[in-house]
Amino acid sequence: MTSATDRDPAFAVSAGLHDDAIIVRPAGELDLASTPILRAQLERIWALPDVAVLIMDLSEVTFCDSTGLAVLIATLRRSRERGARLMLAGITGMLVRLLALTGLRDAFAIYPDVTEALRAAAGRSADHSAEPHNPAS
């Protein structure tokens, strides 16, 4: 069992443009303390005039609580309202289980990694809901 002092509370988020896709990379624990950082980054992205594809690379998220999940749901809603395509990439272990337990697995377009999401965004893949990569299975 991991105590709160054993976990690294550091959180960072970066974003970059790749062709027509914006890639957001949160890293660390996505929880009550860190979600304002991710929300602020997403607000800057939504302020852009044309966001066609938003890929969230979650491969470096080590923990996600209900507030982190709420940000993902809000991002999905916002992307639908704006006509943008939201893709989750790199989800593993805990996030796979969280999405399955909450019944949200099928609500998101999920890809094993950013490369696969970019291929799909470019139209090189017809499968918009590829099975998530789970090294534990």
N, C-alpha and C. Protein backbone atom coordinates (compact mmCIF):
# COMPACT_ATOMS: atom_id res chain seq x y z
N MET A 1 0.84 -1.17 0.00
CA MET A 1 0.00 0.00 0.00
C MET A 1 0.89 1.24 0.00
N THR A 2 0.50 2.23 -0.78
CA THR A 2 1.27 3.46 -0.90
C THR A 2 0.65 4.54 -0.04
N SER A 3 1.45 5.16 0.79
CA SER A 3 0.94 6.25 1.60
C SER A 3 1.05 7.55 0.81
N ALA A 4 0.36 8.57 1.28
CA ALA A 4 0.38 9.86 0.59
C ALA A 4 1.79 10.44 0.51
N THR A 5 2.63 10.12 1.49
CA THR A 5 3.99 10.66 1.47
C THR A 5 4.89 9.90 0.51
N ASP A 6 4.50 8.70 0.11
CA ASP A 6 5.31 7.92 -0.84
C ASP A 6 5.05 8.33 -2.29
N ARG A 7 3.93 8.98 -2.53
CA ARG A 7 3.59 9.37 -3.90
C ARG A 7 4.24 10.70 -4.24
N ASP A 8 4.61 10.83 -5.51
CA ASP A 8 5.18 12.09 -5.98
C ASP A 8 4.03 13.01 -6.38
N PRO A 9 3.81 14.09 -5.64
CA PRO A 9 2.67 14.95 -5.93
C PRO A 9 2.90 15.89 -7.11
N ALA A 10 4.07 15.88 -7.70
CA ALA A 10 4.37 16.80 -8.80
C ALA A 10 3.43 16.55 -9.98
N PHE A 11 3.00 17.63 -10.59
CA PHE A 11 2.12 17.55 -11.76
C PHE A 11 2.56 18.60 -12.74
N ALA A 12 2.57 18.24 -14.00
CA ALA A 12 2.90 19.18 -15.06
C ALA A 12 2.03 18.87 -16.26
N VAL A 13 1.82 19.87 -17.08
CA VAL A 13 1.07 19.65 -18.32
C VAL A 13 1.73 20.48 -19.42
N SER A 14 1.85 19.85 -20.57
CA SER A 14 2.39 20.56 -21.73
C SER A 14 1.45 20.34 -22.90
N ALA A 15 1.59 21.19 -23.90
CA ALA A 15 0.76 21.07 -25.10
C ALA A 15 1.59 21.46 -26.30
N GLY A 16 1.28 20.82 -27.40
CA GLY A 16 1.98 21.13 -28.63
C GLY A 16 1.10 20.84 -29.83
N LEU A 17 1.50 21.37 -30.96
CA LEU A 17 0.76 21.21 -32.20
C LEU A 17 1.48 20.22 -33.10
N HIS A 18 0.73 19.27 -33.65
CA HIS A 18 1.27 18.32 -34.62
C HIS A 18 0.28 18.27 -35.77
N ASP A 19 0.65 18.83 -36.91
CA ASP A 19 -0.27 19.00 -38.04
C ASP A 19 -1.51 19.74 -37.55
N ASP A 20 -2.69 19.14 -37.67
CA ASP A 20 -3.92 19.80 -37.23
C ASP A 20 -4.34 19.39 -35.82
N ALA A 21 -3.52 18.61 -35.15
CA ALA A 21 -3.89 18.09 -33.83
C ALA A 21 -3.12 18.82 -32.73
N ILE A 22 -3.82 19.13 -31.66
CA ILE A 22 -3.18 19.65 -30.46
C ILE A 22 -3.03 18.48 -29.51
N ILE A 23 -1.81 18.28 -29.03
CA ILE A 23 -1.52 17.18 -28.11
C ILE A 23 -1.27 17.76 -26.73
N VAL A 24 -2.07 17.32 -25.76
CA VAL A 24 -1.94 17.75 -24.37
C VAL A 24 -1.36 16.58 -23.60
N ARG A 25 -0.30 16.86 -22.82
CA ARG A 25 0.39 15.81 -22.07
C ARG A 25 0.44 16.14 -20.59
N PRO A 26 -0.57 15.70 -19.83
CA PRO A 26 -0.46 15.83 -18.38
C PRO A 26 0.47 14.75 -17.84
N ALA A 27 1.17 15.04 -16.77
CA ALA A 27 2.08 14.08 -16.16
C ALA A 27 2.01 14.19 -14.65
N GLY A 28 1.80 13.07 -14.00
CA GLY A 28 1.71 13.04 -12.55
C GLY A 28 0.32 12.66 -12.10
N GLU A 29 -0.04 13.09 -10.92
CA GLU A 29 -1.32 12.75 -10.32
C GLU A 29 -2.39 13.76 -10.74
N LEU A 30 -3.44 13.26 -11.36
CA LEU A 30 -4.55 14.11 -11.79
C LEU A 30 -5.62 14.04 -10.71
N ASP A 31 -5.57 15.02 -9.81
CA ASP A 31 -6.47 15.00 -8.66
C ASP A 31 -6.92 16.42 -8.33
N LEU A 32 -7.55 16.58 -7.18
CA LEU A 32 -8.10 17.87 -6.78
C LEU A 32 -7.06 18.99 -6.83
N ALA A 33 -5.85 18.70 -6.44
CA ALA A 33 -4.80 19.72 -6.43
C ALA A 33 -4.30 20.09 -7.82
N SER A 34 -4.32 19.13 -8.75
CA SER A 34 -3.72 19.38 -10.06
C SER A 34 -4.72 19.71 -11.17
N THR A 35 -5.98 19.38 -11.00
CA THR A 35 -6.94 19.63 -12.08
C THR A 35 -7.04 21.11 -12.47
N PRO A 36 -6.87 22.06 -11.56
CA PRO A 36 -6.90 23.46 -12.02
C PRO A 36 -5.80 23.77 -13.05
N ILE A 37 -4.67 23.12 -12.93
CA ILE A 37 -3.57 23.32 -13.88
C ILE A 37 -3.97 22.81 -15.26
N LEU A 38 -4.56 21.61 -15.29
CA LEU A 38 -5.00 21.05 -16.57
C LEU A 38 -6.14 21.87 -17.15
N ARG A 39 -7.09 22.27 -16.32
CA ARG A 39 -8.21 23.09 -16.80
C ARG A 39 -7.71 24.39 -17.42
N ALA A 40 -6.73 25.03 -16.79
CA ALA A 40 -6.19 26.28 -17.32
C ALA A 40 -5.56 26.07 -18.69
N GLN A 41 -4.82 24.97 -18.84
CA GLN A 41 -4.22 24.66 -20.14
C GLN A 41 -5.29 24.43 -21.19
N LEU A 42 -6.32 23.69 -20.81
CA LEU A 42 -7.41 23.41 -21.76
C LEU A 42 -8.15 24.69 -22.13
N GLU A 43 -8.34 25.60 -21.19
CA GLU A 43 -9.00 26.87 -21.50
C GLU A 43 -8.20 27.66 -22.53
N ARG A 44 -6.87 27.63 -22.42
CA ARG A 44 -6.04 28.31 -23.41
C ARG A 44 -6.22 27.67 -24.79
N ILE A 45 -6.36 26.36 -24.81
CA ILE A 45 -6.56 25.66 -26.08
C ILE A 45 -7.92 26.00 -26.67
N TRP A 46 -8.97 25.99 -25.82
CA TRP A 46 -10.31 26.30 -26.33
C TRP A 46 -10.42 27.74 -26.79
N ALA A 47 -9.51 28.60 -26.36
CA ALA A 47 -9.52 29.99 -26.81
C ALA A 47 -9.00 30.13 -28.25
N LEU A 48 -8.36 29.10 -28.75
CA LEU A 48 -7.87 29.12 -30.13
C LEU A 48 -9.06 29.07 -31.08
N PRO A 49 -8.93 29.66 -32.27
CA PRO A 49 -10.09 29.74 -33.17
C PRO A 49 -10.57 28.39 -33.72
N ASP A 50 -9.68 27.54 -34.14
CA ASP A 50 -10.09 26.28 -34.76
C ASP A 50 -9.31 25.12 -34.17
N VAL A 51 -9.96 24.38 -33.30
CA VAL A 51 -9.36 23.17 -32.75
C VAL A 51 -10.12 22.00 -33.37
N ALA A 52 -9.49 21.30 -34.29
CA ALA A 52 -10.16 20.18 -34.97
C ALA A 52 -9.96 18.88 -34.22
N VAL A 53 -8.74 18.66 -33.72
CA VAL A 53 -8.41 17.41 -33.04
C VAL A 53 -7.63 17.73 -31.77
N LEU A 54 -8.09 17.15 -30.66
CA LEU A 54 -7.39 17.29 -29.39
C LEU A 54 -7.05 15.89 -28.90
N ILE A 55 -5.76 15.64 -28.77
CA ILE A 55 -5.29 14.34 -28.28
C ILE A 55 -4.76 14.56 -26.87
N MET A 56 -5.29 13.80 -25.93
CA MET A 56 -4.77 13.85 -24.56
C MET A 56 -3.92 12.61 -24.35
N ASP A 57 -2.62 12.83 -24.25
CA ASP A 57 -1.68 11.74 -24.00
C ASP A 57 -1.62 11.53 -22.48
N LEU A 58 -2.27 10.49 -22.02
CA LEU A 58 -2.37 10.23 -20.59
C LEU A 58 -1.36 9.18 -20.11
N SER A 59 -0.36 8.90 -20.91
CA SER A 59 0.61 7.85 -20.59
C SER A 59 1.43 8.14 -19.34
N GLU A 60 1.54 9.41 -18.95
CA GLU A 60 2.32 9.76 -17.77
C GLU A 60 1.46 10.15 -16.57
N VAL A 61 0.16 9.90 -16.67
CA VAL A 61 -0.73 10.14 -15.52
C VAL A 61 -0.61 8.92 -14.61
N THR A 62 -0.21 9.16 -13.38
CA THR A 62 0.04 8.07 -12.44
C THR A 62 -1.14 7.79 -11.51
N PHE A 63 -2.08 8.73 -11.47
CA PHE A 63 -3.25 8.59 -10.60
C PHE A 63 -4.33 9.51 -11.13
N CYS A 64 -5.59 9.10 -11.00
CA CYS A 64 -6.70 9.95 -11.41
C CYS A 64 -7.86 9.72 -10.46
N ASP A 65 -8.32 10.80 -9.83
CA ASP A 65 -9.47 10.67 -8.95
C ASP A 65 -10.71 11.22 -9.66
N SER A 66 -11.79 11.40 -8.91
CA SER A 66 -13.05 11.84 -9.52
C SER A 66 -12.95 13.23 -10.13
N THR A 67 -12.11 14.10 -9.57
CA THR A 67 -11.97 15.43 -10.16
C THR A 67 -11.22 15.36 -11.49
N GLY A 68 -10.26 14.46 -11.59
CA GLY A 68 -9.58 14.26 -12.86
C GLY A 68 -10.52 13.68 -13.90
N LEU A 69 -11.33 12.73 -13.48
CA LEU A 69 -12.32 12.15 -14.38
C LEU A 69 -13.32 13.21 -14.83
N ALA A 70 -13.70 14.10 -13.93
CA ALA A 70 -14.62 15.18 -14.29
C ALA A 70 -14.02 16.09 -15.36
N VAL A 71 -12.72 16.33 -15.30
CA VAL A 71 -12.07 17.15 -16.33
C VAL A 71 -12.12 16.43 -17.68
N LEU A 72 -11.89 15.13 -17.68
CA LEU A 72 -11.97 14.38 -18.94
C LEU A 72 -13.38 14.44 -19.52
N ILE A 73 -14.39 14.30 -18.68
CA ILE A 73 -15.78 14.36 -19.14
C ILE A 73 -16.10 15.76 -19.66
N ALA A 74 -15.68 16.79 -18.95
CA ALA A 74 -15.91 18.17 -19.39
C ALA A 74 -15.21 18.44 -20.71
N THR A 75 -14.03 17.88 -20.88
CA THR A 75 -13.29 18.05 -22.14
C THR A 75 -14.03 17.35 -23.27
N LEU A 76 -14.58 16.19 -23.01
CA LEU A 76 -15.37 15.49 -24.03
C LEU A 76 -16.58 16.32 -24.43
N ARG A 77 -17.29 16.85 -23.46
CA ARG A 77 -18.46 17.68 -23.75
C ARG A 77 -18.07 18.92 -24.55
N ARG A 78 -17.02 19.57 -24.11
CA ARG A 78 -16.59 20.80 -24.79
C ARG A 78 -16.15 20.50 -26.22
N SER A 79 -15.45 19.41 -26.41
CA SER A 79 -15.02 19.07 -27.77
C SER A 79 -16.22 18.79 -28.67
N ARG A 80 -17.22 18.12 -28.14
CA ARG A 80 -18.43 17.85 -28.93
C ARG A 80 -19.16 19.15 -29.27
N GLU A 81 -19.26 20.06 -28.31
CA GLU A 81 -19.91 21.35 -28.55
C GLU A 81 -19.21 22.14 -29.65
N ARG A 82 -17.89 22.04 -29.69
CA ARG A 82 -17.10 22.79 -30.66
C ARG A 82 -16.87 22.05 -31.96
N GLY A 83 -17.33 20.81 -32.05
CA GLY A 83 -17.12 20.02 -33.26
C GLY A 83 -15.70 19.52 -33.39
N ALA A 84 -14.99 19.46 -32.28
CA ALA A 84 -13.61 18.96 -32.28
C ALA A 84 -13.62 17.47 -31.94
N ARG A 85 -12.61 16.81 -32.37
CA ARG A 85 -12.47 15.37 -32.10
C ARG A 85 -11.51 15.18 -30.93
N LEU A 86 -12.00 14.57 -29.84
CA LEU A 86 -11.17 14.28 -28.68
C LEU A 86 -10.72 12.84 -28.74
N MET A 87 -9.42 12.64 -28.55
CA MET A 87 -8.84 11.30 -28.56
C MET A 87 -7.99 11.15 -27.31
N LEU A 88 -8.15 10.04 -26.61
CA LEU A 88 -7.30 9.74 -25.47
C LEU A 88 -6.25 8.74 -25.92
N ALA A 89 -5.03 8.95 -25.52
CA ALA A 89 -3.94 8.06 -25.91
C ALA A 89 -3.13 7.67 -24.68
N GLY A 90 -2.62 6.45 -24.71
CA GLY A 90 -1.69 6.01 -23.69
C GLY A 90 -2.29 5.69 -22.34
N ILE A 91 -3.59 5.43 -22.30
CA ILE A 91 -4.15 5.09 -20.99
C ILE A 91 -3.74 3.67 -20.62
N THR A 92 -3.42 3.48 -19.37
CA THR A 92 -3.00 2.16 -18.89
C THR A 92 -3.61 1.88 -17.54
N GLY A 93 -3.45 0.67 -17.09
CA GLY A 93 -3.80 0.22 -15.75
C GLY A 93 -4.95 0.91 -15.08
N MET A 94 -4.63 1.81 -14.18
CA MET A 94 -5.62 2.47 -13.34
C MET A 94 -6.65 3.23 -14.16
N LEU A 95 -6.23 3.95 -15.20
CA LEU A 95 -7.19 4.70 -16.01
C LEU A 95 -8.09 3.78 -16.83
N VAL A 96 -7.54 2.68 -17.31
CA VAL A 96 -8.36 1.70 -18.04
C VAL A 96 -9.46 1.20 -17.11
N ARG A 97 -9.08 0.82 -15.89
CA ARG A 97 -10.06 0.31 -14.92
C ARG A 97 -11.07 1.38 -14.54
N LEU A 98 -10.62 2.61 -14.32
CA LEU A 98 -11.51 3.69 -13.94
C LEU A 98 -12.57 3.95 -15.01
N LEU A 99 -12.15 4.01 -16.26
CA LEU A 99 -13.11 4.23 -17.35
C LEU A 99 -14.07 3.05 -17.49
N ALA A 100 -13.57 1.84 -17.30
CA ALA A 100 -14.44 0.66 -17.38
C ALA A 100 -15.44 0.64 -16.23
N LEU A 101 -14.98 0.89 -15.01
CA LEU A 101 -15.85 0.85 -13.84
C LEU A 101 -16.94 1.92 -13.88
N THR A 102 -16.63 3.06 -14.47
CA THR A 102 -17.60 4.15 -14.53
C THR A 102 -18.50 4.06 -15.76
N GLY A 103 -18.24 3.09 -16.63
CA GLY A 103 -19.05 2.94 -17.83
C GLY A 103 -18.71 3.97 -18.90
N LEU A 104 -17.57 4.63 -18.76
CA LEU A 104 -17.19 5.68 -19.71
C LEU A 104 -16.25 5.20 -20.81
N ARG A 105 -15.84 3.97 -20.78
CA ARG A 105 -14.88 3.44 -21.75
C ARG A 105 -15.32 3.71 -23.18
N ASP A 106 -16.59 3.47 -23.47
CA ASP A 106 -17.07 3.64 -24.84
C ASP A 106 -17.40 5.08 -25.20
N ALA A 107 -17.38 5.98 -24.23
CA ALA A 107 -17.67 7.38 -24.52
C ALA A 107 -16.48 8.07 -25.20
N PHE A 108 -15.29 7.54 -24.99
CA PHE A 108 -14.07 8.16 -25.51
C PHE A 108 -13.48 7.34 -26.65
N ALA A 109 -12.86 8.04 -27.60
CA ALA A 109 -12.04 7.39 -28.62
C ALA A 109 -10.68 7.18 -27.99
N ILE A 110 -10.29 5.91 -27.82
CA ILE A 110 -9.07 5.59 -27.09
C ILE A 110 -8.08 4.88 -28.01
N TYR A 111 -6.83 5.30 -27.93
CA TYR A 111 -5.77 4.74 -28.75
C TYR A 111 -4.60 4.33 -27.87
N PRO A 112 -3.86 3.32 -28.29
CA PRO A 112 -2.75 2.83 -27.47
C PRO A 112 -1.66 3.87 -27.22
N ASP A 113 -1.45 4.76 -28.19
CA ASP A 113 -0.41 5.79 -28.04
C ASP A 113 -0.71 6.96 -28.97
N VAL A 114 0.07 8.00 -28.85
CA VAL A 114 -0.13 9.21 -29.64
C VAL A 114 0.05 8.93 -31.13
N THR A 115 1.00 8.08 -31.48
CA THR A 115 1.23 7.77 -32.89
C THR A 115 -0.01 7.20 -33.54
N GLU A 116 -0.67 6.27 -32.87
CA GLU A 116 -1.90 5.67 -33.41
C GLU A 116 -3.02 6.71 -33.48
N ALA A 117 -3.11 7.57 -32.48
CA ALA A 117 -4.14 8.62 -32.50
C ALA A 117 -3.90 9.58 -33.66
N LEU A 118 -2.64 9.94 -33.90
CA LEU A 118 -2.32 10.82 -35.02
C LEU A 118 -2.64 10.17 -36.36
N ARG A 119 -2.36 8.87 -36.47
CA ARG A 119 -2.72 8.15 -37.70
C ARG A 119 -4.22 8.20 -37.94
N ALA A 120 -4.99 7.95 -36.87
CA ALA A 120 -6.45 7.98 -36.99
C ALA A 120 -6.93 9.39 -37.32
N ALA A 121 -6.33 10.38 -36.70
CA ALA A 121 -6.72 11.76 -36.96
C ALA A 121 -6.46 12.16 -38.41
N ALA A 122 -5.41 11.60 -38.97
CA ALA A 122 -5.07 11.89 -40.36
C ALA A 122 -5.87 11.05 -41.34
N GLY A 123 -6.73 10.18 -40.81
CA GLY A 123 -7.57 9.36 -41.67
C GLY A 123 -6.91 8.09 -42.13
N ARG A 124 -5.77 7.74 -41.54
CA ARG A 124 -5.06 6.53 -41.95
C ARG A 124 -5.54 5.30 -41.21
N SER A 125 -6.49 5.47 -40.28
CA SER A 125 -7.03 4.34 -39.55
C SER A 125 -8.53 4.50 -39.47
N ALA A 126 -9.26 3.46 -39.82
CA ALA A 126 -10.72 3.52 -39.77
C ALA A 126 -11.24 3.19 -38.39
N ASP A 127 -10.41 2.64 -37.51
CA ASP A 127 -10.84 2.23 -36.18
C ASP A 127 -10.67 3.39 -35.21
N HIS A 128 -11.79 3.98 -34.77
CA HIS A 128 -11.74 5.14 -33.87
C HIS A 128 -11.80 4.75 -32.41
N SER A 129 -11.87 3.47 -32.10
CA SER A 129 -11.94 3.06 -30.70
C SER A 129 -11.04 1.86 -30.46
N ALA A 130 -9.81 1.96 -30.89
CA ALA A 130 -8.87 0.87 -30.70
C ALA A 130 -8.75 0.51 -29.24
N GLU A 131 -8.50 -0.75 -28.97
CA GLU A 131 -8.35 -1.21 -27.60
C GLU A 131 -7.17 -0.51 -26.95
N PRO A 132 -7.33 -0.08 -25.73
CA PRO A 132 -6.21 0.56 -25.05
C PRO A 132 -5.09 -0.44 -24.78
N HIS A 133 -3.90 0.07 -24.83
CA HIS A 133 -2.73 -0.75 -24.52
C HIS A 133 -2.65 -0.91 -23.02
N ASN A 134 -2.60 -2.14 -22.55
CA ASN A 134 -2.52 -2.39 -21.13
C ASN A 134 -1.41 -3.40 -20.89
N PRO A 135 -0.22 -2.94 -20.49
CA PRO A 135 0.90 -3.84 -20.33
C PRO A 135 0.69 -4.88 -19.22
N ALA A 136 -0.27 -4.64 -18.34
CA ALA A 136 -0.52 -5.59 -17.25
C ALA A 136 -1.30 -6.80 -17.72
N SER A 137 -1.89 -6.74 -18.90
CA SER A 137 -2.71 -7.88 -19.35
C SER A 137 -1.93 -8.87 -20.17
